[in-house]
Amino acid sequence: MIDTFTNMGTLGMVMMIASFIFWGWALFDILKSDFKDSVNKLIWLLVVFFLYAFGALLYVFIGRKQKS
């Protein structure tokens, strides 16, 4: 079995770490923020958690506008 991390290269590792940090920041921002509706907070947590970097991007462009 080929080790994924050795074949990714430096750029791949940097991108993976950056996306993980971005994902973690989005989750942290959701948890510390107040939303207009508590259901929105739960929905954004689930979206970001399950869709990873794509969910974090959605949150940045759509979800941050829904905070109170």
N, C-alpha and C. Protein backbone atom coordinates (compact mmCIF):
# COMPACT_ATOMS: atom_id res chain seq x y z
N MET A 1 0.85 -1.18 0.00
CA MET A 1 0.00 0.00 0.00
C MET A 1 0.89 1.24 0.00
N ILE A 2 0.55 2.18 -0.83
CA ILE A 2 1.34 3.40 -0.96
C ILE A 2 0.96 4.38 0.13
N ASP A 3 1.96 4.94 0.80
CA ASP A 3 1.71 5.91 1.85
C ASP A 3 1.29 7.23 1.22
N THR A 4 0.11 7.70 1.58
CA THR A 4 -0.46 8.90 0.98
C THR A 4 0.39 10.13 1.26
N PHE A 5 0.90 10.26 2.46
CA PHE A 5 1.61 11.47 2.83
C PHE A 5 2.94 11.62 2.11
N THR A 6 3.61 10.54 1.79
CA THR A 6 4.89 10.65 1.10
C THR A 6 4.70 10.98 -0.37
N ASN A 7 3.57 10.69 -0.94
CA ASN A 7 3.32 10.96 -2.35
C ASN A 7 2.63 12.30 -2.60
N MET A 8 2.20 12.98 -1.56
CA MET A 8 1.50 14.24 -1.73
C MET A 8 2.45 15.38 -2.08
N GLY A 9 3.64 15.35 -1.59
CA GLY A 9 4.56 16.45 -1.82
C GLY A 9 4.34 17.57 -0.83
N THR A 10 5.22 18.52 -0.87
CA THR A 10 5.17 19.62 0.08
C THR A 10 3.93 20.49 -0.12
N LEU A 11 3.62 20.82 -1.35
CA LEU A 11 2.45 21.66 -1.61
C LEU A 11 1.17 20.98 -1.15
N GLY A 12 1.06 19.70 -1.38
CA GLY A 12 -0.12 18.96 -0.93
C GLY A 12 -0.26 18.97 0.58
N MET A 13 0.86 18.81 1.27
CA MET A 13 0.82 18.83 2.73
C MET A 13 0.42 20.21 3.24
N VAL A 14 0.96 21.26 2.64
CA VAL A 14 0.62 22.62 3.05
C VAL A 14 -0.86 22.88 2.81
N MET A 15 -1.38 22.45 1.68
CA MET A 15 -2.80 22.65 1.38
C MET A 15 -3.68 21.87 2.35
N MET A 16 -3.27 20.66 2.70
CA MET A 16 -4.04 19.85 3.63
C MET A 16 -4.06 20.49 5.02
N ILE A 17 -2.92 20.98 5.47
CA ILE A 17 -2.85 21.63 6.78
C ILE A 17 -3.64 22.92 6.77
N ALA A 18 -3.54 23.70 5.69
CA ALA A 18 -4.29 24.96 5.60
C ALA A 18 -5.79 24.72 5.60
N SER A 19 -6.24 23.70 4.90
CA SER A 19 -7.67 23.41 4.88
C SER A 19 -8.16 22.93 6.24
N PHE A 20 -7.31 22.19 6.97
CA PHE A 20 -7.68 21.74 8.31
C PHE A 20 -7.79 22.93 9.26
N ILE A 21 -6.85 23.87 9.16
CA ILE A 21 -6.90 25.06 10.01
C ILE A 21 -8.13 25.91 9.68
N PHE A 22 -8.42 26.07 8.39
CA PHE A 22 -9.60 26.82 7.95
C PHE A 22 -10.88 26.17 8.47
N TRP A 23 -10.95 24.84 8.39
CA TRP A 23 -12.10 24.08 8.88
C TRP A 23 -12.26 24.27 10.39
N GLY A 24 -11.15 24.16 11.11
CA GLY A 24 -11.19 24.34 12.56
C GLY A 24 -11.61 25.75 12.96
N TRP A 25 -11.12 26.74 12.22
CA TRP A 25 -11.50 28.12 12.49
C TRP A 25 -13.01 28.31 12.28
N ALA A 26 -13.54 27.75 11.22
CA ALA A 26 -14.98 27.87 10.93
C ALA A 26 -15.81 27.24 12.05
N LEU A 27 -15.41 26.06 12.50
CA LEU A 27 -16.13 25.42 13.60
C LEU A 27 -16.06 26.26 14.87
N PHE A 28 -14.88 26.77 15.17
CA PHE A 28 -14.70 27.62 16.36
C PHE A 28 -15.55 28.88 16.26
N ASP A 29 -15.58 29.50 15.09
CA ASP A 29 -16.35 30.72 14.90
C ASP A 29 -17.84 30.45 15.07
N ILE A 30 -18.30 29.33 14.58
CA ILE A 30 -19.72 28.97 14.75
C ILE A 30 -20.04 28.78 16.22
N LEU A 31 -19.18 28.07 16.92
CA LEU A 31 -19.45 27.77 18.33
C LEU A 31 -19.45 29.02 19.21
N LYS A 32 -18.61 29.98 18.92
CA LYS A 32 -18.53 31.17 19.78
C LYS A 32 -19.52 32.27 19.38
N SER A 33 -20.16 32.14 18.24
CA SER A 33 -21.04 33.19 17.74
C SER A 33 -22.49 32.96 18.13
N ASP A 34 -23.23 34.07 18.19
CA ASP A 34 -24.67 34.01 18.41
C ASP A 34 -25.36 34.19 17.07
N PHE A 35 -26.30 33.32 16.80
CA PHE A 35 -27.07 33.38 15.57
C PHE A 35 -28.47 33.88 15.87
N LYS A 36 -29.15 34.37 14.85
CA LYS A 36 -30.52 34.85 15.01
C LYS A 36 -31.43 33.73 15.50
N ASP A 37 -31.14 32.52 15.06
CA ASP A 37 -31.94 31.35 15.44
C ASP A 37 -30.98 30.24 15.85
N SER A 38 -31.25 29.57 16.95
CA SER A 38 -30.34 28.52 17.43
C SER A 38 -30.29 27.32 16.49
N VAL A 39 -31.33 27.15 15.70
CA VAL A 39 -31.34 26.05 14.72
C VAL A 39 -30.30 26.32 13.63
N ASN A 40 -30.13 27.58 13.25
CA ASN A 40 -29.11 27.92 12.26
C ASN A 40 -27.72 27.54 12.73
N LYS A 41 -27.45 27.74 14.00
CA LYS A 41 -26.14 27.38 14.55
C LYS A 41 -25.90 25.88 14.41
N LEU A 42 -26.88 25.10 14.75
CA LEU A 42 -26.76 23.65 14.63
C LEU A 42 -26.59 23.22 13.17
N ILE A 43 -27.36 23.81 12.29
CA ILE A 43 -27.28 23.47 10.87
C ILE A 43 -25.89 23.80 10.33
N TRP A 44 -25.35 24.98 10.66
CA TRP A 44 -24.02 25.35 10.17
C TRP A 44 -22.94 24.46 10.77
N LEU A 45 -23.10 24.06 12.02
CA LEU A 45 -22.15 23.12 12.61
C LEU A 45 -22.12 21.81 11.83
N LEU A 46 -23.29 21.30 11.50
CA LEU A 46 -23.38 20.05 10.76
C LEU A 46 -22.84 20.19 9.34
N VAL A 47 -23.17 21.30 8.69
CA VAL A 47 -22.70 21.53 7.31
C VAL A 47 -21.17 21.58 7.28
N VAL A 48 -20.59 22.37 8.18
CA VAL A 48 -19.13 22.51 8.18
C VAL A 48 -18.46 21.20 8.60
N PHE A 49 -19.03 20.53 9.58
CA PHE A 49 -18.42 19.29 10.06
C PHE A 49 -18.40 18.22 8.98
N PHE A 50 -19.50 18.05 8.27
CA PHE A 50 -19.59 16.96 7.30
C PHE A 50 -19.06 17.31 5.91
N LEU A 51 -19.07 18.58 5.55
CA LEU A 51 -18.59 18.96 4.22
C LEU A 51 -17.17 19.51 4.23
N TYR A 52 -16.56 19.54 5.40
CA TYR A 52 -15.16 19.91 5.61
C TYR A 52 -14.86 21.28 4.98
N ALA A 53 -13.89 21.38 4.10
CA ALA A 53 -13.46 22.68 3.58
C ALA A 53 -14.55 23.34 2.74
N PHE A 54 -15.30 22.56 1.99
CA PHE A 54 -16.40 23.13 1.20
C PHE A 54 -17.46 23.72 2.12
N GLY A 55 -17.77 23.03 3.21
CA GLY A 55 -18.72 23.56 4.18
C GLY A 55 -18.21 24.82 4.84
N ALA A 56 -16.91 24.89 5.10
CA ALA A 56 -16.32 26.09 5.69
C ALA A 56 -16.42 27.26 4.72
N LEU A 57 -16.19 27.00 3.45
CA LEU A 57 -16.35 28.06 2.44
C LEU A 57 -17.79 28.55 2.37
N LEU A 58 -18.73 27.63 2.40
CA LEU A 58 -20.15 28.01 2.41
C LEU A 58 -20.47 28.88 3.62
N TYR A 59 -19.92 28.48 4.77
CA TYR A 59 -20.17 29.25 5.99
C TYR A 59 -19.61 30.67 5.87
N VAL A 60 -18.41 30.81 5.32
CA VAL A 60 -17.80 32.13 5.21
C VAL A 60 -18.63 33.04 4.31
N PHE A 61 -19.11 32.51 3.19
CA PHE A 61 -19.83 33.34 2.24
C PHE A 61 -21.32 33.49 2.53
N ILE A 62 -21.91 32.54 3.24
CA ILE A 62 -23.36 32.59 3.48
C ILE A 62 -23.67 32.68 4.98
N GLY A 63 -23.08 31.81 5.76
CA GLY A 63 -23.46 31.68 7.17
C GLY A 63 -23.09 32.83 8.06
N ARG A 64 -21.97 33.50 7.77
CA ARG A 64 -21.55 34.61 8.64
C ARG A 64 -22.54 35.76 8.58
N LYS A 65 -23.30 35.87 7.51
CA LYS A 65 -24.29 36.93 7.39
C LYS A 65 -25.52 36.67 8.27
N GLN A 66 -25.68 35.43 8.75
CA GLN A 66 -26.84 35.05 9.52
C GLN A 66 -26.63 35.24 11.03
N LYS A 67 -25.45 35.71 11.41
CA LYS A 67 -25.18 35.91 12.83
C LYS A 67 -25.89 37.17 13.30
N SER A 68 -26.24 37.19 14.60
CA SER A 68 -26.94 38.37 15.13
C SER A 68 -25.97 39.39 15.65
